[in-house]
Amino acid sequence: ELSVAFVSGATAYFAAAHYQWEEALLFLSVLLASNNG
């Protein structure tokens, strides 16, 4: 579960960074993705 959440969160992080989202939205995407890993 930790591994899947980390990979999902990292994927969301890099996607949000690529689209240059605001930091708060980046963290929200990390939380949503990692919680639904």
Full PDB file with SEQRES, HELIX, SHEET, SSBOND, CRYST1, ORIGX, SCALE, CONECT and MASTER records, all heavy atoms in Angstrom:
SEQRES   1 A   37  GLU LEU SER VAL ALA PHE VAL SER GLY ALA THR ALA TYR          
SEQRES   2 A   37  PHE ALA ALA ALA HIS TYR GLN TRP GLU GLU ALA LEU LEU          
SEQRES   3 A   37  PHE LEU SER VAL LEU LEU ALA SER ASN ASN GLY                  
HELIX    1 AA1 LEU A    2  HIS A   18  1                                  17    
HELIX    2 AA2 GLU A   23  ASN A   35  1                                  13    
CRYST1    1.000    1.000    1.000  90.00  90.00  90.00 P 1           1          
ORIGX1      1.000000  0.000000  0.000000        0.00000                         
ORIGX2      0.000000  1.000000  0.000000        0.00000                         
ORIGX3      0.000000  0.000000  1.000000        0.00000                         
SCALE1      1.000000  0.000000  0.000000        0.00000                         
SCALE2      0.000000  1.000000  0.000000        0.00000                         
SCALE3      0.000000  0.000000  1.000000        0.00000                         
ATOM      1  N   GLU A   1       0.825  -1.214   0.000  1.00  0.00           N  
ATOM      2  CA  GLU A   1       0.000   0.000   0.000  1.00  0.00           C  
ATOM      3  C   GLU A   1       0.857   1.261   0.000  1.00  0.00           C  
ATOM      4  O   GLU A   1       0.551   2.225  -0.700  1.00  0.00           O  
ATOM      5  CB  GLU A   1      -0.956   0.017   1.193  1.00  0.00           C  
ATOM      6  CG  GLU A   1      -2.087  -0.980   1.103  1.00  0.00           C  
ATOM      7  CD  GLU A   1      -2.986  -0.766  -0.107  1.00  0.00           C  
ATOM      8  OE1 GLU A   1      -3.164   0.390  -0.550  1.00  0.00           O  
ATOM      9  OE2 GLU A   1      -3.526  -1.766  -0.600  1.00  0.00           O  
ATOM     10  N   LEU A   2       1.952   1.246   0.769  1.00  0.00           N  
ATOM     11  CA  LEU A   2       2.858   2.398   0.769  1.00  0.00           C  
ATOM     12  C   LEU A   2       3.467   2.612  -0.606  1.00  0.00           C  
ATOM     13  O   LEU A   2       3.552   3.747  -1.093  1.00  0.00           O  
ATOM     14  CB  LEU A   2       3.979   2.203   1.796  1.00  0.00           C  
ATOM     15  CG  LEU A   2       3.651   2.453   3.247  1.00  0.00           C  
ATOM     16  CD1 LEU A   2       4.902   2.268   4.100  1.00  0.00           C  
ATOM     17  CD2 LEU A   2       3.081   3.833   3.466  1.00  0.00           C  
ATOM     18  N   SER A   3       3.891   1.532  -1.250  1.00  0.00           N  
ATOM     19  CA  SER A   3       4.522   1.638  -2.570  1.00  0.00           C  
ATOM     20  C   SER A   3       3.548   2.156  -3.619  1.00  0.00           C  
ATOM     21  O   SER A   3       3.890   3.042  -4.413  1.00  0.00           O  
ATOM     22  CB  SER A   3       5.065   0.279  -3.012  1.00  0.00           C  
ATOM     23  OG  SER A   3       6.027  -0.184  -2.098  1.00  0.00           O  
ATOM     24  N   VAL A   4       2.358   1.608  -3.627  1.00  0.00           N  
ATOM     25  CA  VAL A   4       1.355   2.035  -4.604  1.00  0.00           C  
ATOM     26  C   VAL A   4       0.981   3.500  -4.383  1.00  0.00           C  
ATOM     27  O   VAL A   4       0.874   4.277  -5.339  1.00  0.00           O  
ATOM     28  CB  VAL A   4       0.105   1.128  -4.533  1.00  0.00           C  
ATOM     29  CG1 VAL A   4      -1.045   1.701  -5.339  1.00  0.00           C  
ATOM     30  CG2 VAL A   4       0.443  -0.274  -5.020  1.00  0.00           C  
ATOM     31  N   ALA A   5       0.821   3.893  -3.126  1.00  0.00           N  
ATOM     32  CA  ALA A   5       0.485   5.287  -2.815  1.00  0.00           C  
ATOM     33  C   ALA A   5       1.621   6.216  -3.226  1.00  0.00           C  
ATOM     34  O   ALA A   5       1.385   7.299  -3.777  1.00  0.00           O  
ATOM     35  CB  ALA A   5       0.189   5.439  -1.326  1.00  0.00           C  
ATOM     36  N   PHE A   6       2.862   5.806  -2.986  1.00  0.00           N  
ATOM     37  CA  PHE A   6       3.996   6.647  -3.341  1.00  0.00           C  
ATOM     38  C   PHE A   6       4.110   6.813  -4.852  1.00  0.00           C  
ATOM     39  O   PHE A   6       4.307   7.927  -5.350  1.00  0.00           O  
ATOM     40  CB  PHE A   6       5.296   6.071  -2.779  1.00  0.00           C  
ATOM     41  CG  PHE A   6       6.475   6.950  -3.038  1.00  0.00           C  
ATOM     42  CD1 PHE A   6       6.688   8.086  -2.280  1.00  0.00           C  
ATOM     43  CD2 PHE A   6       7.352   6.669  -4.071  1.00  0.00           C  
ATOM     44  CE1 PHE A   6       7.763   8.921  -2.531  1.00  0.00           C  
ATOM     45  CE2 PHE A   6       8.431   7.494  -4.333  1.00  0.00           C  
ATOM     46  CZ  PHE A   6       8.644   8.625  -3.557  1.00  0.00           C  
ATOM     47  N   VAL A   7       3.966   5.729  -5.596  1.00  0.00           N  
ATOM     48  CA  VAL A   7       4.037   5.810  -7.058  1.00  0.00           C  
ATOM     49  C   VAL A   7       2.907   6.676  -7.602  1.00  0.00           C  
ATOM     50  O   VAL A   7       3.126   7.519  -8.480  1.00  0.00           O  
ATOM     51  CB  VAL A   7       4.005   4.395  -7.684  1.00  0.00           C  
ATOM     52  CG1 VAL A   7       3.784   4.452  -9.182  1.00  0.00           C  
ATOM     53  CG2 VAL A   7       5.301   3.657  -7.358  1.00  0.00           C  
ATOM     54  N   SER A   8       1.709   6.504  -7.076  1.00  0.00           N  
ATOM     55  CA  SER A   8       0.574   7.316  -7.524  1.00  0.00           C  
ATOM     56  C   SER A   8       0.766   8.783  -7.179  1.00  0.00           C  
ATOM     57  O   SER A   8       0.499   9.668  -7.997  1.00  0.00           O  
ATOM     58  CB  SER A   8      -0.720   6.821  -6.883  1.00  0.00           C  
ATOM     59  OG  SER A   8      -0.967   5.500  -7.266  1.00  0.00           O  
ATOM     60  N   GLY A   9       1.249   9.061  -5.977  1.00  0.00           N  
ATOM     61  CA  GLY A   9       1.514  10.436  -5.578  1.00  0.00           C  
ATOM     62  C   GLY A   9       2.607  11.083  -6.411  1.00  0.00           C  
ATOM     63  O   GLY A   9       2.500  12.249  -6.798  1.00  0.00           O  
ATOM     64  N   ALA A  10       3.662  10.323  -6.701  1.00  0.00           N  
ATOM     65  CA  ALA A  10       4.747  10.849  -7.540  1.00  0.00           C  
ATOM     66  C   ALA A  10       4.254  11.128  -8.953  1.00  0.00           C  
ATOM     67  O   ALA A  10       4.620  12.144  -9.563  1.00  0.00           O  
ATOM     68  CB  ALA A  10       5.914   9.868  -7.562  1.00  0.00           C  
ATOM     69  N   THR A  11       3.402  10.259  -9.466  1.00  0.00           N  
ATOM     70  CA  THR A  11       2.830  10.478 -10.798  1.00  0.00           C  
ATOM     71  C   THR A  11       2.013  11.763 -10.820  1.00  0.00           C  
ATOM     72  O   THR A  11       2.132  12.572 -11.744  1.00  0.00           O  
ATOM     73  CB  THR A  11       1.951   9.278 -11.202  1.00  0.00           C  
ATOM     74  OG1 THR A  11       2.747   8.091 -11.172  1.00  0.00           O  
ATOM     75  CG2 THR A  11       1.353   9.468 -12.572  1.00  0.00           C  
ATOM     76  N   ALA A  12       1.182  11.953  -9.799  1.00  0.00           N  
ATOM     77  CA  ALA A  12       0.386  13.180  -9.713  1.00  0.00           C  
ATOM     78  C   ALA A  12       1.275  14.400  -9.562  1.00  0.00           C  
ATOM     79  O   ALA A  12       1.015  15.451 -10.158  1.00  0.00           O  
ATOM     80  CB  ALA A  12      -0.594  13.085  -8.542  1.00  0.00           C  
ATOM     81  N   TYR A  13       2.333  14.277  -8.779  1.00  0.00           N  
ATOM     82  CA  TYR A  13       3.268  15.395  -8.579  1.00  0.00           C  
ATOM     83  C   TYR A  13       3.884  15.823  -9.910  1.00  0.00           C  
ATOM     84  O   TYR A  13       3.886  17.005 -10.251  1.00  0.00           O  
ATOM     85  CB  TYR A  13       4.371  14.993  -7.591  1.00  0.00           C  
ATOM     86  CG  TYR A  13       5.456  16.029  -7.476  1.00  0.00           C  
ATOM     87  CD1 TYR A  13       5.327  17.085  -6.586  1.00  0.00           C  
ATOM     88  CD2 TYR A  13       6.590  15.976  -8.271  1.00  0.00           C  
ATOM     89  CE1 TYR A  13       6.307  18.052  -6.486  1.00  0.00           C  
ATOM     90  CE2 TYR A  13       7.578  16.937  -8.182  1.00  0.00           C  
ATOM     91  CZ  TYR A  13       7.436  17.966  -7.294  1.00  0.00           C  
ATOM     92  OH  TYR A  13       8.402  18.933  -7.200  1.00  0.00           O  
ATOM     93  N   PHE A  14       4.398  14.861 -10.658  1.00  0.00           N  
ATOM     94  CA  PHE A  14       5.056  15.202 -11.914  1.00  0.00           C  
ATOM     95  C   PHE A  14       4.068  15.709 -12.961  1.00  0.00           C  
ATOM     96  O   PHE A  14       4.400  16.591 -13.752  1.00  0.00           O  
ATOM     97  CB  PHE A  14       5.866  14.020 -12.436  1.00  0.00           C  
ATOM     98  CG  PHE A  14       7.094  13.760 -11.617  1.00  0.00           C  
ATOM     99  CD1 PHE A  14       7.242  12.569 -10.939  1.00  0.00           C  
ATOM    100  CD2 PHE A  14       8.083  14.722 -11.497  1.00  0.00           C  
ATOM    101  CE1 PHE A  14       8.370  12.330 -10.167  1.00  0.00           C  
ATOM    102  CE2 PHE A  14       9.213  14.494 -10.733  1.00  0.00           C  
ATOM    103  CZ  PHE A  14       9.358  13.294 -10.063  1.00  0.00           C  
ATOM    104  N   ALA A  15       2.848  15.168 -12.958  1.00  0.00           N  
ATOM    105  CA  ALA A  15       1.835  15.670 -13.888  1.00  0.00           C  
ATOM    106  C   ALA A  15       1.463  17.113 -13.539  1.00  0.00           C  
ATOM    107  O   ALA A  15       1.378  17.973 -14.423  1.00  0.00           O  
ATOM    108  CB  ALA A  15       0.594  14.782 -13.856  1.00  0.00           C  
ATOM    109  N   ALA A  16       1.262  17.387 -12.263  1.00  0.00           N  
ATOM    110  CA  ALA A  16       0.917  18.744 -11.833  1.00  0.00           C  
ATOM    111  C   ALA A  16       2.062  19.716 -12.096  1.00  0.00           C  
ATOM    112  O   ALA A  16       1.838  20.862 -12.499  1.00  0.00           O  
ATOM    113  CB  ALA A  16       0.550  18.749 -10.351  1.00  0.00           C  
ATOM    114  N   ALA A  17       3.285  19.268 -11.884  1.00  0.00           N  
ATOM    115  CA  ALA A  17       4.443  20.120 -12.168  1.00  0.00           C  
ATOM    116  C   ALA A  17       4.555  20.394 -13.666  1.00  0.00           C  
ATOM    117  O   ALA A  17       4.866  21.515 -14.086  1.00  0.00           O  
ATOM    118  CB  ALA A  17       5.718  19.469 -11.649  1.00  0.00           C  
ATOM    119  N   HIS A  18       4.265  19.384 -14.473  1.00  0.00           N  
ATOM    120  CA  HIS A  18       4.326  19.558 -15.927  1.00  0.00           C  
ATOM    121  C   HIS A  18       3.307  20.597 -16.405  1.00  0.00           C  
ATOM    122  O   HIS A  18       3.613  21.424 -17.254  1.00  0.00           O  
ATOM    123  CB  HIS A  18       4.068  18.221 -16.617  1.00  0.00           C  
ATOM    124  CG  HIS A  18       3.969  18.331 -18.102  1.00  0.00           C  
ATOM    125  ND1 HIS A  18       5.059  18.557 -18.905  1.00  0.00           N  
ATOM    126  CD2 HIS A  18       2.900  18.271 -18.934  1.00  0.00           C  
ATOM    127  CE1 HIS A  18       4.672  18.627 -20.172  1.00  0.00           C  
ATOM    128  NE2 HIS A  18       3.362  18.450 -20.210  1.00  0.00           N  
ATOM    129  N   TYR A  19       2.105  20.551 -15.838  1.00  0.00           N  
ATOM    130  CA  TYR A  19       1.062  21.503 -16.222  1.00  0.00           C  
ATOM    131  C   TYR A  19       1.150  22.810 -15.444  1.00  0.00           C  
ATOM    132  O   TYR A  19       0.302  23.680 -15.605  1.00  0.00           O  
ATOM    133  CB  TYR A  19      -0.325  20.877 -16.050  1.00  0.00           C  
ATOM    134  CG  TYR A  19      -0.585  19.793 -17.073  1.00  0.00           C  
ATOM    135  CD1 TYR A  19      -0.720  18.467 -16.682  1.00  0.00           C  
ATOM    136  CD2 TYR A  19      -0.684  20.096 -18.421  1.00  0.00           C  
ATOM    137  CE1 TYR A  19      -0.950  17.470 -17.620  1.00  0.00           C  
ATOM    138  CE2 TYR A  19      -0.911  19.111 -19.366  1.00  0.00           C  
ATOM    139  CZ  TYR A  19      -1.047  17.799 -18.953  1.00  0.00           C  
ATOM    140  OH  TYR A  19      -1.258  16.817 -19.878  1.00  0.00           O  
ATOM    141  N   GLN A  20       2.136  22.935 -14.569  1.00  0.00           N  
ATOM    142  CA  GLN A  20       2.415  24.139 -13.795  1.00  0.00           C  
ATOM    143  C   GLN A  20       1.215  24.584 -12.963  1.00  0.00           C  
ATOM    144  O   GLN A  20       0.840  25.754 -12.948  1.00  0.00           O  
ATOM    145  CB  GLN A  20       2.904  25.268 -14.704  1.00  0.00           C  
ATOM    146  CG  GLN A  20       4.191  24.928 -15.407  1.00  0.00           C  
ATOM    147  CD  GLN A  20       4.657  26.025 -16.343  1.00  0.00           C  
ATOM    148  OE1 GLN A  20       3.925  26.952 -16.649  1.00  0.00           O  
ATOM    149  NE2 GLN A  20       5.887  25.905 -16.795  1.00  0.00           N  
ATOM    150  N   TRP A  21       0.627  23.624 -12.254  1.00  0.00           N  
ATOM    151  CA  TRP A  21      -0.467  23.932 -11.363  1.00  0.00           C  
ATOM    152  C   TRP A  21       0.060  24.656 -10.138  1.00  0.00           C  
ATOM    153  O   TRP A  21       1.229  24.532  -9.783  1.00  0.00           O  
ATOM    154  CB  TRP A  21      -1.176  22.665 -10.923  1.00  0.00           C  
ATOM    155  CG  TRP A  21      -1.968  21.999 -12.016  1.00  0.00           C  
ATOM    156  CD1 TRP A  21      -2.196  22.470 -13.270  1.00  0.00           C  
ATOM    157  CD2 TRP A  21      -2.597  20.736 -11.938  1.00  0.00           C  
ATOM    158  NE1 TRP A  21      -2.954  21.588 -13.981  1.00  0.00           N  
ATOM    159  CE2 TRP A  21      -3.214  20.509 -13.187  1.00  0.00           C  
ATOM    160  CE3 TRP A  21      -2.716  19.782 -10.949  1.00  0.00           C  
ATOM    161  CZ2 TRP A  21      -3.942  19.362 -13.452  1.00  0.00           C  
ATOM    162  CZ3 TRP A  21      -3.434  18.639 -11.223  1.00  0.00           C  
ATOM    163  CH2 TRP A  21      -4.044  18.438 -12.458  1.00  0.00           C  
ATOM    164  N   GLU A  22      -0.809  25.382  -9.464  1.00  0.00           N  
ATOM    165  CA  GLU A  22      -0.440  26.032  -8.214  1.00  0.00           C  
ATOM    166  C   GLU A  22      -0.093  24.961  -7.176  1.00  0.00           C  
ATOM    167  O   GLU A  22      -0.554  23.826  -7.251  1.00  0.00           O  
ATOM    168  CB  GLU A  22      -1.597  26.879  -7.699  1.00  0.00           C  
ATOM    169  CG  GLU A  22      -1.924  28.057  -8.578  1.00  0.00           C  
ATOM    170  CD  GLU A  22      -3.075  28.864  -8.014  1.00  0.00           C  
ATOM    171  OE1 GLU A  22      -3.352  28.757  -6.802  1.00  0.00           O  
ATOM    172  OE2 GLU A  22      -3.694  29.589  -8.794  1.00  0.00           O  
ATOM    173  N   GLU A  23       0.707  25.375  -6.204  1.00  0.00           N  
ATOM    174  CA  GLU A  23       1.204  24.413  -5.219  1.00  0.00           C  
ATOM    175  C   GLU A  23       0.076  23.729  -4.447  1.00  0.00           C  
ATOM    176  O   GLU A  23       0.114  22.519  -4.223  1.00  0.00           O  
ATOM    177  CB  GLU A  23       2.161  25.111  -4.265  1.00  0.00           C  
ATOM    178  CG  GLU A  23       3.005  24.160  -3.460  1.00  0.00           C  
ATOM    179  CD  GLU A  23       4.072  24.884  -2.669  1.00  0.00           C  
ATOM    180  OE1 GLU A  23       3.726  25.736  -1.832  1.00  0.00           O  
ATOM    181  OE2 GLU A  23       5.248  24.597  -2.907  1.00  0.00           O  
ATOM    182  N   ALA A  24      -0.942  24.467  -4.055  1.00  0.00           N  
ATOM    183  CA  ALA A  24      -2.059  23.866  -3.312  1.00  0.00           C  
ATOM    184  C   ALA A  24      -2.777  22.820  -4.156  1.00  0.00           C  
ATOM    185  O   ALA A  24      -3.140  21.739  -3.665  1.00  0.00           O  
ATOM    186  CB  ALA A  24      -3.038  24.946  -2.869  1.00  0.00           C  
ATOM    187  N   LEU A  25      -2.969  23.104  -5.427  1.00  0.00           N  
ATOM    188  CA  LEU A  25      -3.610  22.148  -6.327  1.00  0.00           C  
ATOM    189  C   LEU A  25      -2.713  20.934  -6.552  1.00  0.00           C  
ATOM    190  O   LEU A  25      -3.203  19.802  -6.654  1.00  0.00           O  
ATOM    191  CB  LEU A  25      -3.944  22.834  -7.652  1.00  0.00           C  
ATOM    192  CG  LEU A  25      -4.837  22.077  -8.616  1.00  0.00           C  
ATOM    193  CD1 LEU A  25      -6.151  21.686  -7.953  1.00  0.00           C  
ATOM    194  CD2 LEU A  25      -5.111  22.933  -9.839  1.00  0.00           C  
ATOM    195  N   LEU A  26      -1.414  21.157  -6.602  1.00  0.00           N  
ATOM    196  CA  LEU A  26      -0.461  20.060  -6.726  1.00  0.00           C  
ATOM    197  C   LEU A  26      -0.601  19.106  -5.538  1.00  0.00           C  
ATOM    198  O   LEU A  26      -0.709  17.893  -5.719  1.00  0.00           O  
ATOM    199  CB  LEU A  26       0.965  20.609  -6.788  1.00  0.00           C  
ATOM    200  CG  LEU A  26       2.087  19.585  -6.858  1.00  0.00           C  
ATOM    201  CD1 LEU A  26       3.171  20.063  -7.797  1.00  0.00           C  
ATOM    202  CD2 LEU A  26       2.667  19.325  -5.496  1.00  0.00           C  
ATOM    203  N   PHE A  27      -0.636  19.666  -4.320  1.00  0.00           N  
ATOM    204  CA  PHE A  27      -0.759  18.821  -3.132  1.00  0.00           C  
ATOM    205  C   PHE A  27      -2.103  18.100  -3.098  1.00  0.00           C  
ATOM    206  O   PHE A  27      -2.183  16.944  -2.680  1.00  0.00           O  
ATOM    207  CB  PHE A  27      -0.552  19.639  -1.863  1.00  0.00           C  
ATOM    208  CG  PHE A  27       0.854  20.127  -1.669  1.00  0.00           C  
ATOM    209  CD1 PHE A  27       1.095  21.381  -1.162  1.00  0.00           C  
ATOM    210  CD2 PHE A  27       1.936  19.334  -2.010  1.00  0.00           C  
ATOM    211  CE1 PHE A  27       2.395  21.830  -0.975  1.00  0.00           C  
ATOM    212  CE2 PHE A  27       3.238  19.770  -1.839  1.00  0.00           C  
ATOM    213  CZ  PHE A  27       3.470  21.024  -1.320  1.00  0.00           C  
ATOM    214  N   LEU A  28      -3.151  18.766  -3.543  1.00  0.00           N  
ATOM    215  CA  LEU A  28      -4.461  18.119  -3.599  1.00  0.00           C  
ATOM    216  C   LEU A  28      -4.435  16.940  -4.570  1.00  0.00           C  
ATOM    217  O   LEU A  28      -4.952  15.862  -4.270  1.00  0.00           O  
ATOM    218  CB  LEU A  28      -5.540  19.127  -4.023  1.00  0.00           C  
ATOM    219  CG  LEU A  28      -6.948  18.562  -4.174  1.00  0.00           C  
ATOM    220  CD1 LEU A  28      -7.467  18.037  -2.838  1.00  0.00           C  
ATOM    221  CD2 LEU A  28      -7.882  19.618  -4.734  1.00  0.00           C  
ATOM    222  N   SER A  29      -3.814  17.124  -5.725  1.00  0.00           N  
ATOM    223  CA  SER A  29      -3.731  16.029  -6.695  1.00  0.00           C  
ATOM    224  C   SER A  29      -2.906  14.869  -6.148  1.00  0.00           C  
ATOM    225  O   SER A  29      -3.238  13.705  -6.385  1.00  0.00           O  
ATOM    226  CB  SER A  29      -3.174  16.521  -8.030  1.00  0.00           C  
ATOM    227  OG  SER A  29      -1.826  16.896  -7.905  1.00  0.00           O  
ATOM    228  N   VAL A  30      -1.847  15.175  -5.408  1.00  0.00           N  
ATOM    229  CA  VAL A  30      -1.036  14.117  -4.784  1.00  0.00           C  
ATOM    230  C   VAL A  30      -1.880  13.338  -3.781  1.00  0.00           C  
ATOM    231  O   VAL A  30      -1.863  12.099  -3.765  1.00  0.00           O  
ATOM    232  CB  VAL A  30       0.225  14.713  -4.115  1.00  0.00           C  
ATOM    233  CG1 VAL A  30       0.897  13.698  -3.196  1.00  0.00           C  
ATOM    234  CG2 VAL A  30       1.203  15.205  -5.162  1.00  0.00           C  
ATOM    235  N   LEU A  31      -2.640  14.043  -2.950  1.00  0.00           N  
ATOM    236  CA  LEU A  31      -3.494  13.373  -1.961  1.00  0.00           C  
ATOM    237  C   LEU A  31      -4.565  12.508  -2.626  1.00  0.00           C  
ATOM    238  O   LEU A  31      -4.779  11.359  -2.231  1.00  0.00           O  
ATOM    239  CB  LEU A  31      -4.167  14.401  -1.053  1.00  0.00           C  
ATOM    240  CG  LEU A  31      -3.350  14.892   0.119  1.00  0.00           C  
ATOM    241  CD1 LEU A  31      -4.072  16.038   0.814  1.00  0.00           C  
ATOM    242  CD2 LEU A  31      -3.061  13.780   1.088  1.00  0.00           C  
ATOM    243  N   LEU A  32      -5.218  13.054  -3.628  1.00  0.00           N  
ATOM    244  CA  LEU A  32      -6.277  12.290  -4.308  1.00  0.00           C  
ATOM    245  C   LEU A  32      -5.725  11.056  -5.006  1.00  0.00           C  
ATOM    246  O   LEU A  32      -6.297   9.973  -4.924  1.00  0.00           O  
ATOM    247  CB  LEU A  32      -7.016  13.180  -5.300  1.00  0.00           C  
ATOM    248  CG  LEU A  32      -7.899  14.268  -4.696  1.00  0.00           C  
ATOM    249  CD1 LEU A  32      -8.461  15.162  -5.792  1.00  0.00           C  
ATOM    250  CD2 LEU A  32      -9.015  13.658  -3.873  1.00  0.00           C  
ATOM    251  N   ALA A  33      -4.616  11.232  -5.700  1.00  0.00           N  
ATOM    252  CA  ALA A  33      -4.035  10.103  -6.427  1.00  0.00           C  
ATOM    253  C   ALA A  33      -3.506   9.033  -5.481  1.00  0.00           C  
ATOM    254  O   ALA A  33      -3.733   7.841  -5.690  1.00  0.00           O  
ATOM    255  CB  ALA A  33      -2.917  10.598  -7.345  1.00  0.00           C  
ATOM    256  N   SER A  34      -2.807   9.449  -4.437  1.00  0.00           N  
ATOM    257  CA  SER A  34      -2.219   8.465  -3.533  1.00  0.00           C  
ATOM    258  C   SER A  34      -3.276   7.785  -2.670  1.00  0.00           C  
ATOM    259  O   SER A  34      -3.112   6.627  -2.297  1.00  0.00           O  
ATOM    260  CB  SER A  34      -1.138   9.104  -2.668  1.00  0.00           C  
ATOM    261  OG  SER A  34      -1.657  10.151  -1.891  1.00  0.00           O  
ATOM    262  N   ASN A  35      -4.357   8.463  -2.388  1.00  0.00           N  
ATOM    263  CA  ASN A  35      -5.428   7.841  -1.617  1.00  0.00           C  
ATOM    264  C   ASN A  35      -6.201   6.828  -2.454  1.00  0.00           C  
ATOM    265  O   ASN A  35      -6.798   5.901  -1.922  1.00  0.00           O  
ATOM    266  CB  ASN A  35      -6.383   8.903  -1.063  1.00  0.00           C  
ATOM    267  CG  ASN A  35      -7.233   8.366   0.051  1.00  0.00           C  
ATOM    268  OD1 ASN A  35      -6.768   7.622   0.887  1.00  0.00           O  
ATOM    269  ND2 ASN A  35      -8.489   8.747   0.053  1.00  0.00           N  
ATOM    270  N   ASN A  36      -6.184   6.998  -3.750  1.00  0.00           N  
ATOM    271  CA  ASN A  36      -6.826   6.060  -4.681  1.00  0.00           C  
ATOM    272  C   ASN A  36      -5.746   5.392  -5.531  1.00  0.00           C  
ATOM    273  O   ASN A  36      -5.848   5.335  -6.753  1.00  0.00           O  
ATOM    274  CB  ASN A  36      -7.830   6.791  -5.569  1.00  0.00           C  
ATOM    275  CG  ASN A  36      -8.928   7.418  -4.762  1.00  0.00           C  
ATOM    276  OD1 ASN A  36      -9.580   6.747  -3.987  1.00  0.00           O  
ATOM    277  ND2 ASN A  36      -9.121   8.712  -4.917  1.00  0.00           N  
ATOM    278  N   GLY A  37      -4.718   4.903  -4.883  1.00  0.00           N  
ATOM    279  CA  GLY A  37      -3.523   4.417  -5.559  1.00  0.00           C  
ATOM    280  C   GLY A  37      -3.768   3.337  -6.595  1.00  0.00           C  
ATOM    281  O   GLY A  37      -3.280   3.413  -7.718  1.00  0.00           O  
TER     282      GLY A  37                                                      
MASTER        0    0    0    2    0    0    0    6  281    1    0    3          
END                                                                             
